[in-house]
Protein backbone atom coordinates (compact mmCIF):
# COMPACT_ATOMS: atom_id res chain seq x y z
CA MET A 1 51.73 34.63 53.80
CA ALA A 2 50.82 32.19 50.76
CA THR A 3 52.95 29.55 49.75
CA PRO A 4 54.52 30.86 46.67
CA LEU A 5 53.15 29.18 43.42
CA PRO A 6 55.57 26.50 42.18
CA PRO A 7 56.30 26.82 38.78
CA MET A 8 54.90 24.40 36.08
CA PRO A 9 57.50 21.29 35.64
CA SER A 10 58.85 21.50 32.08
CA SER A 11 57.37 17.59 31.78
CA THR A 12 53.58 19.12 32.53
CA THR A 13 51.26 17.74 29.72
CA ASN A 14 49.49 21.22 29.94
CA LYS A 15 52.76 23.19 30.25
CA ALA A 16 51.77 25.28 27.04
CA LYS A 17 48.30 26.10 28.24
CA ALA A 18 48.99 26.74 32.01
CA PRO A 19 47.99 30.55 32.66
CA GLU A 20 49.21 32.82 35.32
CA VAL A 21 47.31 33.68 38.03
CA ALA A 22 46.34 36.94 36.77
CA LYS A 23 44.99 35.63 33.67
CA ILE A 24 42.66 33.10 35.81
CA VAL A 25 41.06 35.87 37.91
CA ALA A 26 40.62 38.09 34.68
CA ASP A 27 38.93 35.10 33.33
CA PHE A 28 36.77 34.51 36.52
CA ARG A 29 35.85 38.46 36.52
CA LYS A 30 34.70 38.23 32.96
CA ASN A 31 32.85 35.04 33.12
CA PHE A 32 31.20 35.19 36.53
CA PRO A 33 27.40 34.74 36.07
CA SER A 34 25.79 38.06 35.85
CA GLY A 35 23.87 39.03 39.38
CA HIS A 36 26.21 37.33 41.30
CA LYS A 37 29.16 39.05 43.15
CA ALA A 38 32.32 37.97 44.30
CA ASN A 39 31.48 38.63 47.81
CA ASN A 40 29.27 35.11 48.09
CA LEU A 41 32.10 32.52 47.70
CA LEU A 42 32.80 29.41 49.90
CA PHE A 43 35.89 28.01 50.31
CA TRP A 44 35.83 24.04 51.58
CA SER A 45 38.31 21.49 52.51
CA GLY A 46 37.78 17.86 53.28
CA MET A 47 34.24 17.31 52.94
CA GLY A 48 34.02 16.13 49.35
CA GLN A 49 32.91 18.30 46.34
CA LEU A 50 28.99 17.04 46.33
CA LYS A 51 28.35 18.09 49.75
CA ALA A 52 30.20 21.23 49.18
CA VAL A 53 28.26 22.08 46.27
CA ALA A 54 24.96 21.45 48.21
CA LEU A 55 26.15 23.57 51.06
CA ALA A 56 27.04 26.46 48.57
CA GLN A 57 23.68 26.22 46.90
CA GLN A 58 21.61 26.48 49.85
CA GLU A 59 23.50 29.41 50.90
CA GLY A 60 23.38 31.19 47.51
CA ARG A 61 27.20 30.93 47.27
CA TRP A 62 29.78 29.62 44.78
CA ILE A 63 32.54 27.27 45.11
CA LEU A 64 35.46 27.19 42.81
CA GLU A 65 34.20 23.96 41.09
CA MET A 66 31.03 25.52 40.32
CA LEU A 67 32.40 28.52 38.68
CA LEU A 68 34.41 26.13 36.77
CA GLU A 69 31.28 24.59 35.25
CA ASN A 70 30.82 27.70 33.00
CA LYS A 71 31.72 26.81 29.15
CA LYS A 72 34.27 29.25 29.19
CA LEU A 73 36.11 27.86 32.16
CA LEU A 74 35.65 24.25 31.67
CA PRO A 75 39.26 24.24 30.05
CA TYR A 76 40.85 24.98 33.38
CA GLU A 77 39.21 21.97 35.18
CA LYS A 78 39.97 19.65 32.14
CA TRP A 79 43.64 20.33 32.54
CA THR A 80 43.71 19.01 36.00
CA LYS A 81 41.94 15.67 34.84
CA SER A 82 44.06 12.54 33.45
CA VAL A 83 47.27 13.59 34.34
CA PRO A 84 49.22 12.65 37.34
CA TRP A 85 48.61 14.33 40.75
CA ASP A 86 51.67 15.84 41.08
CA GLU A 87 50.85 17.80 37.88
CA ALA A 88 46.96 18.54 38.56
CA LYS A 89 47.92 20.00 42.07
CA LEU A 90 50.11 22.31 40.29
CA MET A 91 47.07 23.68 38.39
CA TRP A 92 44.58 23.42 41.38
CA ALA A 93 47.16 25.66 43.24
CA ARG A 94 46.89 28.28 40.52
CA LEU A 95 43.02 27.87 40.35
CA SER A 96 42.67 28.23 44.29
CA SER A 97 45.12 31.32 44.52
CA ALA A 98 43.05 32.76 41.68
CA PHE A 99 39.71 32.09 43.20
CA ALA A 100 40.91 33.58 46.51
CA GLN A 101 42.27 36.72 44.74
CA PHE A 102 39.00 36.98 42.99
CA ALA A 103 36.93 37.03 46.19
CA GLU A 104 35.30 40.58 47.59
CA GLY A 105 34.43 41.70 50.89
CA LYS A 106 33.44 38.50 52.94
CA ALA A 107 34.07 34.80 52.26
CA LYS A 108 32.95 31.93 54.12
CA ALA A 109 34.80 28.76 54.83
CA ILE A 110 33.65 25.25 56.07
CA MET A 111 36.48 22.43 56.98
CA SER A 112 35.43 19.13 57.86
CA HIS A 113 38.24 17.67 59.87
CA ALA A 114 37.26 19.08 63.15
CA GLY A 115 36.80 22.42 61.90
CA ARG A 116 40.50 22.53 60.35
CA ALA A 117 41.80 21.89 57.16
CA LYS A 118 44.95 19.68 56.78
CA PHE A 119 47.96 21.30 56.69
CA ASP A 120 48.87 20.89 53.14
CA SER A 121 45.68 21.62 51.88
CA MET A 122 45.14 24.15 49.17
CA TRP A 123 43.07 26.02 51.89
CA ASN A 124 45.94 26.27 54.38
CA GLN A 125 48.60 26.71 51.50
CA TYR A 126 47.21 29.22 48.89
CA GLU A 127 43.38 30.45 49.61
CA LYS A 128 43.51 31.50 53.27
CA PRO A 129 46.67 33.27 53.25
CA THR A 130 45.80 35.07 49.90
CA LEU A 131 42.29 36.20 51.81
CA VAL A 132 44.00 37.23 54.93
CA GLN A 133 46.71 39.06 52.96
CA ARG A 134 44.04 40.74 50.97
CA GLY A 135 42.18 41.74 54.09
CA ILE A 136 38.96 39.68 53.20
CA ASP A 137 36.64 38.79 55.89
CA ILE A 138 36.30 35.03 56.44
């Protein structure tokens, strides 16, 4: 089972703007590039974003960070910048959960730590449990 999402703390810089996961999923659906489907998502951990982007592009897949580059979704990623990690991590938890809820059919996951993600990674805490709970093949 997925780790429950922690509430955004009252001291969070982006508190007023921090949407719930359901809103993020709806925005993903609304703004996903036309002609693409949510059954070609790639989840990654530990290899660095540039490598993950390159792998996704080679396979015609999407990672969360690529989807966030859409002008209409860019504010989500901006909310994780210029704030302390303890606050940014809470937004990334919401984004990761939403990305896993957005997935359809089959997803692919690549881990760089001997084929495993760290115990406290977004993959292990939010993405993988959500995919498994939803019956998405990995």
